C-alpha atoms as a PDB file:
ATOM      1  CA  MET A   1    -164.324 288.992   9.121  1.00  0.00           C
ATOM      2  CA  SER A   2    -166.001 287.214   6.178  1.00  0.00           C
ATOM      3  CA  ALA A   3    -164.355 284.280   4.410  1.00  0.00           C
ATOM      4  CA  GLY A   4    -164.151 286.328   1.232  1.00  0.00           C
ATOM      5  CA  ALA A   5    -162.512 289.253   2.980  1.00  0.00           C
ATOM      6  CA  MET A   6    -160.058 286.911   4.658  1.00  0.00           C
ATOM      7  CA  ALA A   7    -159.186 285.299   1.359  1.00  0.00           C
ATOM      8  CA  ALA A   8    -158.568 288.699  -0.182  1.00  0.00           C
ATOM      9  CA  LEU A   9    -156.469 289.689   2.809  1.00  0.00           C
ATOM     10  CA  MET A  10    -154.312 286.604   2.568  1.00  0.00           C
ATOM     11  CA  LEU A  11    -153.747 287.090  -1.142  1.00  0.00           C
ATOM     12  CA  ALA A  12    -152.747 290.712  -0.724  1.00  0.00           C
ATOM     13  CA  GLY A  13    -149.017 291.079  -0.210  1.00  0.00           C
ATOM     14  CA  CYS A  14    -146.223 293.563  -0.471  1.00  0.00           C
ATOM     15  CA  SER A  15    -142.540 292.982  -0.973  1.00  0.00           C
ATOM     16  CA  GLY A  16    -139.517 294.669   0.484  1.00  0.00           C
ATOM     17  CA  THR A  17    -137.135 296.139  -2.040  1.00  0.00           C
ATOM     18  CA  SER A  18    -133.681 294.642  -2.202  1.00  0.00           C
ATOM     19  CA  THR A  19    -130.848 297.144  -2.156  1.00  0.00           C
ATOM     20  CA  GLY A  20    -128.032 294.647  -2.122  1.00  0.00           C
ATOM     21  CA  SER A  21    -126.639 292.102   0.341  1.00  0.00           C
ATOM     22  CA  PRO A  22    -123.381 291.532   2.197  1.00  0.00           C
ATOM     23  CA  SER A  23    -120.701 290.097  -0.013  1.00  0.00           C
ATOM     24  CA  GLY A  24    -120.690 286.305  -0.006  1.00  0.00           C
ATOM     25  CA  SER A  25    -123.894 285.982   2.002  1.00  0.00           C
ATOM     26  CA  GLY A  26    -125.454 283.608  -0.523  1.00  0.00           C
ATOM     27  CA  ASP A  27    -128.895 285.059   0.190  1.00  0.00           C
ATOM     28  CA  ALA A  28    -129.216 287.538  -2.672  1.00  0.00           C
ATOM     29  CA  GLY A  29    -132.387 286.735  -4.595  1.00  0.00           C
ATOM     30  CA  ALA A  30    -133.814 284.546  -1.825  1.00  0.00           C
ATOM     31  CA  SER A  31    -137.279 285.343  -0.484  1.00  0.00           C
ATOM     32  CA  ILE A  32    -139.498 284.458   2.472  1.00  0.00           C
ATOM     33  CA  THR A  33    -143.189 284.930   3.269  1.00  0.00           C
ATOM     34  CA  VAL A  34    -144.171 286.527   6.568  1.00  0.00           C
ATOM     35  CA  TYR A  35    -147.686 286.216   7.957  1.00  0.00           C
ATOM     36  CA  ASN A  36    -147.862 289.485   9.834  1.00  0.00           C
ATOM     37  CA  ALA A  37    -150.331 290.400  12.565  1.00  0.00           C
ATOM     38  CA  GLN A  38    -148.095 293.142  13.930  1.00  0.00           C
ATOM     39  CA  HIS A  39    -148.583 296.743  12.870  1.00  0.00           C
ATOM     40  CA  GLU A  40    -147.991 296.875   9.137  1.00  0.00           C
ATOM     41  CA  GLU A  41    -145.947 300.091   9.289  1.00  0.00           C
ATOM     42  CA  LEU A  42    -143.555 298.645  11.876  1.00  0.00           C
ATOM     43  CA  THR A  43    -143.109 295.333  10.083  1.00  0.00           C
ATOM     44  CA  SER A  44    -142.615 297.083   6.751  1.00  0.00           C
ATOM     45  CA  ALA A  45    -139.802 299.100   8.335  1.00  0.00           C
ATOM     46  CA  TRP A  46    -138.231 295.897   9.654  1.00  0.00           C
ATOM     47  CA  VAL A  47    -138.548 294.308   6.223  1.00  0.00           C
ATOM     48  CA  ALA A  48    -136.942 297.247   4.431  1.00  0.00           C
ATOM     49  CA  GLU A  49    -133.910 297.245   6.716  1.00  0.00           C
ATOM     50  CA  PHE A  50    -133.616 293.440   6.709  1.00  0.00           C
ATOM     51  CA  THR A  51    -133.667 293.308   2.921  1.00  0.00           C
ATOM     52  CA  LYS A  52    -131.120 296.113   2.769  1.00  0.00           C
ATOM     53  CA  GLU A  53    -128.766 294.203   5.057  1.00  0.00           C
ATOM     54  CA  THR A  54    -129.216 290.698   3.638  1.00  0.00           C
ATOM     55  CA  GLY A  55    -130.644 290.906   0.127  1.00  0.00           C
ATOM     56  CA  ILE A  56    -133.453 288.563   1.210  1.00  0.00           C
ATOM     57  CA  LYS A  57    -136.817 289.718  -0.111  1.00  0.00           C
ATOM     58  CA  VAL A  58    -139.884 289.488   2.086  1.00  0.00           C
ATOM     59  CA  ASN A  59    -143.483 288.972   0.991  1.00  0.00           C
ATOM     60  CA  LEU A  60    -145.860 290.294   3.670  1.00  0.00           C
ATOM     61  CA  ARG A  61    -149.362 288.987   4.193  1.00  0.00           C
ATOM     62  CA  ASN A  62    -151.096 291.179   6.754  1.00  0.00           C
ATOM     63  CA  GLY A  63    -153.995 290.340   9.019  1.00  0.00           C
ATOM     64  CA  GLU A  64    -154.988 290.113  12.670  1.00  0.00           C
ATOM     65  CA  ASP A  65    -153.872 287.734  15.408  1.00  0.00           C
ATOM     66  CA  PRO A  66    -156.819 285.289  15.485  1.00  0.00           C
ATOM     67  CA  GLU A  67    -157.301 285.136  11.704  1.00  0.00           C
ATOM     68  CA  MET A  68    -153.603 284.615  10.999  1.00  0.00           C
ATOM     69  CA  ALA A  69    -153.247 281.926  13.675  1.00  0.00           C
ATOM     70  CA  ASN A  70    -156.294 280.080  12.384  1.00  0.00           C
ATOM     71  CA  GLN A  71    -155.052 280.395   8.804  1.00  0.00           C
ATOM     72  CA  ILE A  72    -151.713 278.795   9.699  1.00  0.00           C
ATOM     73  CA  ILE A  73    -153.424 275.971  11.583  1.00  0.00           C
ATOM     74  CA  GLN A  74    -155.778 275.320   8.670  1.00  0.00           C
ATOM     75  CA  GLU A  75    -152.874 275.245   6.232  1.00  0.00           C
ATOM     76  CA  GLY A  76    -150.811 273.023   8.519  1.00  0.00           C
ATOM     77  CA  LYS A  77    -147.667 271.594   6.968  1.00  0.00           C
ATOM     78  CA  ALA A  78    -148.714 273.004   3.600  1.00  0.00           C
ATOM     79  CA  SER A  79    -148.586 276.623   4.774  1.00  0.00           C
ATOM     80  CA  PRO A  80    -146.628 278.927   2.477  1.00  0.00           C
ATOM     81  CA  ALA A  81    -145.627 281.007   5.489  1.00  0.00           C
ATOM     82  CA  ASP A  82    -142.022 280.988   6.665  1.00  0.00           C
ATOM     83  CA  VAL A  83    -142.423 283.411   9.583  1.00  0.00           C
ATOM     84  CA  PHE A  84    -145.309 284.398  11.851  1.00  0.00           C
ATOM     85  CA  LEU A  85    -145.427 287.726  13.719  1.00  0.00           C
ATOM     86  CA  THR A  86    -148.155 288.550  16.248  1.00  0.00           C
ATOM     87  CA  GLU A  87    -149.353 291.536  18.253  1.00  0.00           C
ATOM     88  CA  ASN A  88    -150.144 289.440  21.332  1.00  0.00           C
ATOM     89  CA  SER A  89    -148.896 286.072  22.533  1.00  0.00           C
ATOM     90  CA  PRO A  90    -152.135 283.980  22.747  1.00  0.00           C
ATOM     91  CA  ALA A  91    -152.285 283.681  18.943  1.00  0.00           C
ATOM     92  CA  MET A  92    -148.686 282.471  18.879  1.00  0.00           C
ATOM     93  CA  ASP A  93    -149.405 280.008  21.691  1.00  0.00           C
ATOM     94  CA  GLN A  94    -152.290 278.663  19.609  1.00  0.00           C
ATOM     95  CA  VAL A  95    -149.957 277.885  16.697  1.00  0.00           C
ATOM     96  CA  GLU A  96    -147.304 276.506  19.042  1.00  0.00           C
ATOM     97  CA  ASN A  97    -149.866 274.165  20.636  1.00  0.00           C
ATOM     98  CA  ALA A  98    -150.616 272.850  17.142  1.00  0.00           C
ATOM     99  CA  HIS A  99    -146.904 271.852  16.916  1.00  0.00           C
ATOM    100  CA  LEU A 100    -146.304 273.981  13.829  1.00  0.00           C
ATOM    101  CA  LEU A 101    -143.287 276.009  14.995  1.00  0.00           C
ATOM    102  CA  ALA A 102    -139.589 275.355  14.541  1.00  0.00           C
ATOM    103  CA  LYS A 103    -137.108 275.834  17.365  1.00  0.00           C
ATOM    104  CA  LEU A 104    -135.404 279.212  17.124  1.00  0.00           C
ATOM    105  CA  ASP A 105    -131.638 279.449  17.017  1.00  0.00           C
ATOM    106  CA  GLN A 106    -130.238 279.780  20.541  1.00  0.00           C
ATOM    107  CA  SER A 107    -128.252 282.833  19.464  1.00  0.00           C
ATOM    108  CA  THR A 108    -131.562 284.531  18.608  1.00  0.00           C
ATOM    109  CA  LEU A 109    -133.158 283.565  21.905  1.00  0.00           C
ATOM    110  CA  ASP A 110    -130.135 284.903  23.744  1.00  0.00           C
ATOM    111  CA  GLN A 111    -130.843 288.368  22.331  1.00  0.00           C
ATOM    112  CA  VAL A 112    -134.102 288.597  24.330  1.00  0.00           C
ATOM    113  CA  PRO A 113    -134.380 288.426  28.151  1.00  0.00           C
ATOM    114  CA  ALA A 114    -136.116 285.272  29.383  1.00  0.00           C
ATOM    115  CA  LYS A 115    -139.151 287.156  30.741  1.00  0.00           C
ATOM    116  CA  TYR A 116    -140.033 288.327  27.235  1.00  0.00           C
ATOM    117  CA  ARG A 117    -140.087 284.873  25.622  1.00  0.00           C
ATOM    118  CA  PRO A 118    -141.591 281.494  26.496  1.00  0.00           C
ATOM    119  CA  ALA A 119    -139.514 278.877  28.239  1.00  0.00           C
ATOM    120  CA  ALA A 120    -139.939 276.359  25.405  1.00  0.00           C
ATOM    121  CA  GLY A 121    -137.930 278.429  22.896  1.00  0.00           C
ATOM    122  CA  ASP A 122    -140.241 277.896  19.940  1.00  0.00           C
ATOM    123  CA  TRP A 123    -140.800 281.624  19.573  1.00  0.00           C
ATOM    124  CA  THR A 124    -139.563 284.867  21.052  1.00  0.00           C
ATOM    125  CA  GLY A 125    -140.768 288.299  22.003  1.00  0.00           C
ATOM    126  CA  ILE A 126    -140.063 290.984  19.426  1.00  0.00           C
ATOM    127  CA  ALA A 127    -141.828 293.977  21.062  1.00  0.00           C
ATOM    128  CA  ALA A 128    -144.074 294.704  24.039  1.00  0.00           C
ATOM    129  CA  ARG A 129    -146.942 296.942  25.142  1.00  0.00           C
ATOM    130  CA  SER A 130    -148.237 297.909  28.578  1.00  0.00           C
ATOM    131  CA  THR A 131    -151.834 297.798  29.748  1.00  0.00           C
ATOM    132  CA  VAL A 132    -153.071 301.203  30.953  1.00  0.00           C
ATOM    133  CA  LEU A 133    -156.253 302.946  32.014  1.00  0.00           C
ATOM    134  CA  ALA A 134    -156.668 306.011  29.807  1.00  0.00           C
ATOM    135  CA  TYR A 135    -158.746 308.679  31.527  1.00  0.00           C
ATOM    136  CA  ASN A 136    -160.198 312.077  30.678  1.00  0.00           C
ATOM    137  CA  LYS A 137    -158.233 314.740  32.562  1.00  0.00           C
ATOM    138  CA  THR A 138    -161.224 317.079  32.721  1.00  0.00           C
ATOM    139  CA  LYS A 139    -163.354 314.474  34.508  1.00  0.00           C
ATOM    140  CA  LEU A 140    -160.922 312.479  36.641  1.00  0.00           C
ATOM    141  CA  THR A 141    -157.604 312.948  38.412  1.00  0.00           C
ATOM    142  CA  GLU A 142    -154.783 310.509  39.044  1.00  0.00           C
ATOM    143  CA  ALA A 143    -155.844 310.412  42.699  1.00  0.00           C
ATOM    144  CA  GLN A 144    -159.226 309.029  41.637  1.00  0.00           C
ATOM    145  CA  MET A 145    -157.749 306.100  39.730  1.00  0.00           C
ATOM    146  CA  PRO A 146    -158.571 302.585  40.975  1.00  0.00           C
ATOM    147  CA  LYS A 147    -155.792 300.751  42.777  1.00  0.00           C
ATOM    148  CA  SER A 148    -156.370 297.647  40.664  1.00  0.00           C
ATOM    149  CA  LEU A 149    -157.808 296.785  37.276  1.00  0.00           C
ATOM    150  CA  MET A 150    -160.047 294.398  39.217  1.00  0.00           C
ATOM    151  CA  ASP A 151    -161.826 297.397  40.789  1.00  0.00           C
ATOM    152  CA  LEU A 152    -163.397 298.348  37.460  1.00  0.00           C
ATOM    153  CA  SER A 153    -166.010 295.624  37.932  1.00  0.00           C
ATOM    154  CA  ASP A 154    -167.429 297.595  40.882  1.00  0.00           C
ATOM    155  CA  PRO A 155    -170.856 299.184  40.199  1.00  0.00           C
ATOM    156  CA  THR A 156    -169.409 302.640  40.939  1.00  0.00           C
ATOM    157  CA  TRP A 157    -167.808 302.477  37.466  1.00  0.00           C
ATOM    158  CA  LYS A 158    -171.052 301.670  35.645  1.00  0.00           C
ATOM    159  CA  ASP A 159    -171.310 303.513  32.295  1.00  0.00           C
ATOM    160  CA  LYS A 160    -168.042 305.357  32.999  1.00  0.00           C
ATOM    161  CA  ILE A 161    -165.597 303.050  31.232  1.00  0.00           C
ATOM    162  CA  GLY A 162    -165.040 301.449  27.849  1.00  0.00           C
ATOM    163  CA  ALA A 163    -163.023 298.703  26.178  1.00  0.00           C
ATOM    164  CA  SER A 164    -162.710 296.850  22.898  1.00  0.00           C
ATOM    165  CA  THR A 165    -163.997 293.714  24.569  1.00  0.00           C
ATOM    166  CA  GLY A 166    -164.008 291.611  21.409  1.00  0.00           C
ATOM    167  CA  GLY A 167    -160.466 292.521  20.385  1.00  0.00           C
ATOM    168  CA  ALA A 168    -157.268 290.486  20.654  1.00  0.00           C
ATOM    169  CA  ASP A 169    -155.677 293.113  22.923  1.00  0.00           C
ATOM    170  CA  PHE A 170    -158.438 292.879  25.513  1.00  0.00           C
ATOM    171  CA  GLN A 171    -158.421 289.088  25.358  1.00  0.00           C
ATOM    172  CA  ALA A 172    -154.674 289.062  26.024  1.00  0.00           C
ATOM    173  CA  ILE A 173    -155.237 291.222  29.112  1.00  0.00           C
ATOM    174  CA  VAL A 174    -157.956 288.834  30.292  1.00  0.00           C
ATOM    175  CA  SER A 175    -155.596 285.904  29.652  1.00  0.00           C
ATOM    176  CA  ALA A 176    -153.090 287.469  32.027  1.00  0.00           C
ATOM    177  CA  MET A 177    -155.805 288.009  34.636  1.00  0.00           C
ATOM    178  CA  TYR A 178    -156.793 284.365  34.310  1.00  0.00           C
ATOM    179  CA  GLN A 179    -153.204 283.311  34.983  1.00  0.00           C
ATOM    180  CA  LEU A 180    -152.889 285.609  37.999  1.00  0.00           C
ATOM    181  CA  LYS A 181    -156.348 285.410  39.592  1.00  0.00           C
ATOM    182  CA  GLY A 182    -157.893 282.172  38.370  1.00  0.00           C
ATOM    183  CA  SER A 183    -161.154 281.283  36.681  1.00  0.00           C
ATOM    184  CA  ASP A 184    -163.702 282.376  39.293  1.00  0.00           C
ATOM    185  CA  ALA A 185    -162.235 285.841  39.889  1.00  0.00           C
ATOM    186  CA  THR A 186    -161.776 286.431  36.157  1.00  0.00           C
ATOM    187  CA  LEU A 187    -165.345 285.424  35.354  1.00  0.00           C
ATOM    188  CA  ALA A 188    -166.698 287.697  38.113  1.00  0.00           C
ATOM    189  CA  TRP A 189    -164.623 290.582  36.733  1.00  0.00           C
ATOM    190  CA  LEU A 190    -165.814 289.948  33.182  1.00  0.00           C
ATOM    191  CA  LYS A 191    -169.444 289.971  34.306  1.00  0.00           C
ATOM    192  CA  GLY A 192    -168.801 293.304  36.029  1.00  0.00           C
ATOM    193  CA  ILE A 193    -167.219 294.698  32.864  1.00  0.00           C
ATOM    194  CA  LYS A 194    -170.205 293.467  30.854  1.00  0.00           C
ATOM    195  CA  ASP A 195    -172.450 295.526  33.175  1.00  0.00           C
ATOM    196  CA  ASN A 196    -170.214 298.583  33.488  1.00  0.00           C
ATOM    197  CA  ALA A 197    -168.398 299.117  30.202  1.00  0.00           C
ATOM    198  CA  HIS A 198    -169.321 300.442  26.781  1.00  0.00           C
ATOM    199  CA  ALA A 199    -168.017 298.058  24.096  1.00  0.00           C
ATOM    200  CA  TYR A 200    -166.089 299.384  21.089  1.00  0.00           C
ATOM    201  CA  GLN A 201    -164.831 297.713  17.937  1.00  0.00           C
ATOM    202  CA  ASP A 202    -161.212 298.754  18.445  1.00  0.00           C
ATOM    203  CA  ASP A 203    -158.941 300.547  20.917  1.00  0.00           C
ATOM    204  CA  THR A 204    -158.725 303.722  18.832  1.00  0.00           C
ATOM    205  CA  PRO A 205    -162.467 304.453  19.282  1.00  0.00           C
ATOM    206  CA  VAL A 206    -162.020 303.772  23.017  1.00  0.00           C
ATOM    207  CA  LEU A 207    -159.308 306.435  23.170  1.00  0.00           C
ATOM    208  CA  ALA A 208    -161.423 308.864  21.147  1.00  0.00           C
ATOM    209  CA  ALA A 209    -164.442 308.316  23.418  1.00  0.00           C
ATOM    210  CA  VAL A 210    -162.333 309.036  26.506  1.00  0.00           C
ATOM    211  CA  ASN A 211    -160.945 312.162  24.865  1.00  0.00           C
ATOM    212  CA  LYS A 212    -164.441 313.447  23.984  1.00  0.00           C
ATOM    213  CA  GLY A 213    -165.768 312.685  27.449  1.00  0.00           C
ATOM    214  CA  ASP A 214    -168.289 310.100  26.236  1.00  0.00           C
ATOM    215  CA  ILE A 215    -166.724 307.823  28.835  1.00  0.00           C
ATOM    216  CA  GLU A 216    -164.406 308.748  31.691  1.00  0.00           C
ATOM    217  CA  ALA A 217    -161.829 305.997  31.238  1.00  0.00           C
ATOM    218  CA  GLY A 218    -160.894 303.136  28.928  1.00  0.00           C
ATOM    219  CA  ILE A 219    -158.833 299.952  29.116  1.00  0.00           C
ATOM    220  CA  LEU A 220    -156.243 299.727  26.336  1.00  0.00           C
ATOM    221  CA  TYR A 221    -152.527 299.559  25.567  1.00  0.00           C
ATOM    222  CA  HIS A 222    -150.261 302.534  26.137  1.00  0.00           C
ATOM    223  CA  TYR A 223    -149.120 303.136  22.573  1.00  0.00           C
ATOM    224  CA  TYR A 224    -152.477 304.280  21.189  1.00  0.00           C
ATOM    225  CA  SER A 225    -152.153 307.574  23.023  1.00  0.00           C
ATOM    226  CA  PHE A 226    -148.482 308.039  22.139  1.00  0.00           C
ATOM    227  CA  VAL A 227    -149.122 307.377  18.446  1.00  0.00           C
ATOM    228  CA  ASP A 228    -152.005 309.867  18.443  1.00  0.00           C
ATOM    229  CA  GLN A 229    -149.936 312.490  20.257  1.00  0.00           C
ATOM    230  CA  ALA A 230    -147.163 312.118  17.682  1.00  0.00           C
ATOM    231  CA  ASP A 231    -149.761 312.742  14.975  1.00  0.00           C
ATOM    232  CA  THR A 232    -152.520 315.313  15.555  1.00  0.00           C
ATOM    233  CA  GLY A 233    -153.478 314.623  19.168  1.00  0.00           C
ATOM    234  CA  GLU A 234    -157.130 314.892  18.173  1.00  0.00           C
ATOM    235  CA  ASN A 235    -158.029 311.701  20.044  1.00  0.00           C
ATOM    236  CA  SER A 236    -155.790 312.168  23.066  1.00  0.00           C
ATOM    237  CA  ASN A 237    -155.257 315.825  24.020  1.00  0.00           C
ATOM    238  CA  ASN A 238    -157.633 315.439  26.974  1.00  0.00           C
ATOM    239  CA  VAL A 239    -156.248 312.038  27.955  1.00  0.00           C
ATOM    240  CA  ALA A 240    -153.785 310.930  30.628  1.00  0.00           C
ATOM    241  CA  LEU A 241    -152.561 307.379  31.230  1.00  0.00           C
ATOM    242  CA  HIS A 242    -152.715 305.553  34.536  1.00  0.00           C
ATOM    243  CA  TYR A 243    -150.202 302.737  35.086  1.00  0.00           C
ATOM    244  CA  PHE A 244    -151.401 300.270  37.729  1.00  0.00           C
ATOM    245  CA  LYS A 245    -147.957 298.849  38.631  1.00  0.00           C
ATOM    246  CA  ASN A 246    -147.644 296.694  41.813  1.00  0.00           C
ATOM    247  CA  GLN A 247    -147.758 293.421  39.809  1.00  0.00           C
ATOM    248  CA  ASP A 248    -151.473 294.067  39.254  1.00  0.00           C
ATOM    249  CA  PRO A 249    -153.254 292.373  36.328  1.00  0.00           C
ATOM    250  CA  GLY A 250    -153.632 295.915  35.010  1.00  0.00           C
ATOM    251  CA  ALA A 251    -149.834 296.199  34.842  1.00  0.00           C
ATOM    252  CA  PHE A 252    -149.667 293.310  32.384  1.00  0.00           C
ATOM    253  CA  VAL A 253    -147.075 293.729  29.644  1.00  0.00           C
ATOM    254  CA  SER A 254    -148.141 291.899  26.499  1.00  0.00           C
ATOM    255  CA  VAL A 255    -145.397 290.408  24.342  1.00  0.00           C
ATOM    256  CA  SER A 256    -145.567 290.446  20.561  1.00  0.00           C
ATOM    257  CA  GLY A 257    -144.168 287.230  19.135  1.00  0.00           C
ATOM    258  CA  GLY A 258    -141.952 286.123  16.285  1.00  0.00           C
ATOM    259  CA  ALA A 259    -141.547 282.535  15.090  1.00  0.00           C
ATOM    260  CA  VAL A 260    -140.362 280.351  12.228  1.00  0.00           C
ATOM    261  CA  LEU A 261    -142.811 277.795  10.838  1.00  0.00           C
ATOM    262  CA  ALA A 262    -141.616 274.186  10.961  1.00  0.00           C
ATOM    263  CA  SER A 263    -142.962 273.724   7.425  1.00  0.00           C
ATOM    264  CA  SER A 264    -140.858 276.564   6.014  1.00  0.00           C
ATOM    265  CA  LYS A 265    -138.787 275.614   3.012  1.00  0.00           C
ATOM    266  CA  HIS A 266    -136.482 278.550   3.714  1.00  0.00           C
ATOM    267  CA  GLN A 267    -135.405 277.793   7.266  1.00  0.00           C
ATOM    268  CA  SER A 268    -132.067 279.598   7.109  1.00  0.00           C
ATOM    269  CA  GLN A 269    -133.513 282.836   5.761  1.00  0.00           C
ATOM    270  CA  ALA A 270    -136.514 282.686   8.115  1.00  0.00           C
ATOM    271  CA  GLN A 271    -134.242 282.217  11.117  1.00  0.00           C
ATOM    272  CA  LYS A 272    -132.185 285.178   9.935  1.00  0.00           C
ATOM    273  CA  PHE A 273    -135.293 287.348   9.840  1.00  0.00           C
ATOM    274  CA  ILE A 274    -136.218 286.681  13.485  1.00  0.00           C
ATOM    275  CA  ALA A 275    -132.565 287.090  14.435  1.00  0.00           C
ATOM    276  CA  PHE A 276    -132.570 290.490  12.725  1.00  0.00           C
ATOM    277  CA  VAL A 277    -135.812 291.702  14.320  1.00  0.00           C
ATOM    278  CA  THR A 278    -134.432 290.963  17.802  1.00  0.00           C
ATOM    279  CA  SER A 279    -130.940 292.271  17.008  1.00  0.00           C
ATOM    280  CA  LYS A 280    -129.606 295.723  17.820  1.00  0.00           C
ATOM    281  CA  SER A 281    -130.389 296.921  14.294  1.00  0.00           C
ATOM    282  CA  GLY A 282    -133.912 295.525  14.349  1.00  0.00           C
ATOM    283  CA  GLN A 283    -134.761 296.852  17.783  1.00  0.00           C
ATOM    284  CA  GLU A 284    -133.412 300.277  16.856  1.00  0.00           C
ATOM    285  CA  VAL A 285    -135.993 300.328  14.041  1.00  0.00           C
ATOM    286  CA  LEU A 286    -138.584 299.917  16.789  1.00  0.00           C
ATOM    287  CA  GLU A 287    -136.930 302.437  19.121  1.00  0.00           C
ATOM    288  CA  ASN A 288    -136.759 305.152  16.478  1.00  0.00           C
ATOM    289  CA  GLY A 289    -140.050 304.432  14.714  1.00  0.00           C
ATOM    290  CA  LYS A 290    -143.582 305.681  15.233  1.00  0.00           C
ATOM    291  CA  SER A 291    -145.203 302.576  16.756  1.00  0.00           C
ATOM    292  CA  PHE A 292    -144.220 303.523  20.334  1.00  0.00           C
ATOM    293  CA  GLU A 293    -144.073 299.887  21.385  1.00  0.00           C
ATOM    294  CA  TYR A 294    -141.404 298.746  23.807  1.00  0.00           C
ATOM    295  CA  THR A 295    -138.122 297.242  22.646  1.00  0.00           C
ATOM    296  CA  VAL A 296    -137.280 293.876  24.230  1.00  0.00           C
ATOM    297  CA  GLY A 297    -134.085 292.731  22.493  1.00  0.00           C
ATOM    298  CA  SER A 298    -130.342 293.277  22.460  1.00  0.00           C
ATOM    299  CA  GLY A 299    -130.343 295.862  25.240  1.00  0.00           C
ATOM    300  CA  VAL A 300    -131.802 298.572  23.008  1.00  0.00           C
ATOM    301  CA  PRO A 301    -133.692 301.186  25.072  1.00  0.00           C
ATOM    302  CA  ALA A 302    -137.298 302.043  24.359  1.00  0.00           C
ATOM    303  CA  ASN A 303    -138.371 305.333  22.851  1.00  0.00           C
ATOM    304  CA  PRO A 304    -137.473 307.950  25.497  1.00  0.00           C
ATOM    305  CA  LYS A 305    -141.082 309.211  25.617  1.00  0.00           C
ATOM    306  CA  LEU A 306    -142.210 305.926  27.189  1.00  0.00           C
ATOM    307  CA  VAL A 307    -142.228 305.028  30.870  1.00  0.00           C
ATOM    308  CA  PRO A 308    -139.321 302.531  31.127  1.00  0.00           C
ATOM    309  CA  LEU A 309    -140.325 298.882  31.318  1.00  0.00           C
ATOM    310  CA  THR A 310    -138.311 298.564  34.510  1.00  0.00           C
ATOM    311  CA  GLU A 311    -140.630 301.074  36.214  1.00  0.00           C
ATOM    312  CA  LEU A 312    -143.922 299.393  35.251  1.00  0.00           C
ATOM    313  CA  GLN A 313    -143.766 296.706  37.978  1.00  0.00           C
ATOM    314  CA  ALA A 314    -145.454 294.242  35.649  1.00  0.00           C
ATOM    315  CA  PRO A 315    -146.543 290.820  36.924  1.00  0.00           C
ATOM    316  CA  THR A 316    -144.345 287.882  35.942  1.00  0.00           C
ATOM    317  CA  ILE A 317    -146.173 285.738  33.398  1.00  0.00           C
ATOM    318  CA  ASP A 318    -144.662 283.214  30.993  1.00  0.00           C
ATOM    319  CA  PRO A 319    -145.985 284.465  27.640  1.00  0.00           C
ATOM    320  CA  GLY A 320    -146.153 280.863  26.480  1.00  0.00           C
ATOM    321  CA  THR A 321    -148.873 280.015  29.022  1.00  0.00           C
ATOM    322  CA  LEU A 322    -151.624 282.464  28.094  1.00  0.00           C
ATOM    323  CA  ASN A 323    -154.613 280.282  27.316  1.00  0.00           C
ATOM    324  CA  GLY A 324    -156.838 281.594  24.537  1.00  0.00           C
ATOM    325  CA  PRO A 325    -159.535 278.860  24.440  1.00  0.00           C
ATOM    326  CA  GLN A 326    -160.265 278.916  28.178  1.00  0.00           C
ATOM    327  CA  VAL A 327    -160.375 282.695  28.171  1.00  0.00           C
ATOM    328  CA  ASN A 328    -162.773 282.639  25.223  1.00  0.00           C
ATOM    329  CA  ASP A 329    -165.019 280.312  27.218  1.00  0.00           C
ATOM    330  CA  LEU A 330    -165.033 282.695  30.199  1.00  0.00           C
ATOM    331  CA  MET A 331    -165.752 285.692  28.001  1.00  0.00           C
ATOM    332  CA  THR A 332    -168.587 283.806  26.327  1.00  0.00           C
ATOM    333  CA  LYS A 333    -170.065 282.922  29.728  1.00  0.00           C
ATOM    334  CA  ALA A 334    -169.886 286.597  30.691  1.00  0.00           C
ATOM    335  CA  GLY A 335    -171.689 287.632  27.510  1.00  0.00           C
ATOM    336  CA  LEU A 336    -168.750 289.515  26.009  1.00  0.00           C
ATOM    337  CA  LEU A 337    -168.300 287.227  22.989  1.00  0.00           C
END
């Protein structure tokens, strides 16, 4: 993304509409700024309900994980952001490692199971998504699926698969592989993917290519297919999803993060926003919305169309340990960046 485009992105904002606040809350007329790398539709729904409940207005500045994280780090203690929301955890870890996050209220952390937030408590999971292998049902069957994501580096998959190898989603998946398998195995896998896979700019074109039969299978997150099915199905009617399970790197569940900036001049209101997003009311916005991401807070179940998180057999990974810089180095060595 160009510097000019990024500047325009950061200046563009939208505000939630206040419809009143609880009596005596003291927050009516207050406002916070959220740097949002989550899906804009989902965060806008959170904002609308939060403002309705509290009277606190929210200014959204939307972008992508890497750009938003870098923007916050560049701004440092002068950042106008009060809250940071991400799609994947490496971007949040990057900001945390720069010591720019405030500790979240323990009551907020307690709303989210420990496996969906880092041990340090500087941020928390707000949603989750599962890695899957989307495949064309007219070309492959479930019985032909690889046992492990690692198998896709085998030459038998050459020119049959695709991925958005430059995207934040793919890099999060590789970060999990690095944690589980180490540097050498991850680099070997990446070199195999470089040889075997068609590269796409985003996960939606990967799904569309699988659906058309241009490729037989694609690495992405589960919700792309569910969102498309809830719409027209034009990019997914020929697609089925394979869940690797068995604690495989391909069963990785990526956690979207929420945090309060240490530099925020509206700490109370910012803390309330993260508390709301992870509360029953906030997670029900996610459950009943159209993002088809997994709920992680306050015991709220996921959308019933999704395979339950408890059945995914995901590997155990502290979301606060996913290392973006080292993964970038490995991907560069493999020729993917």
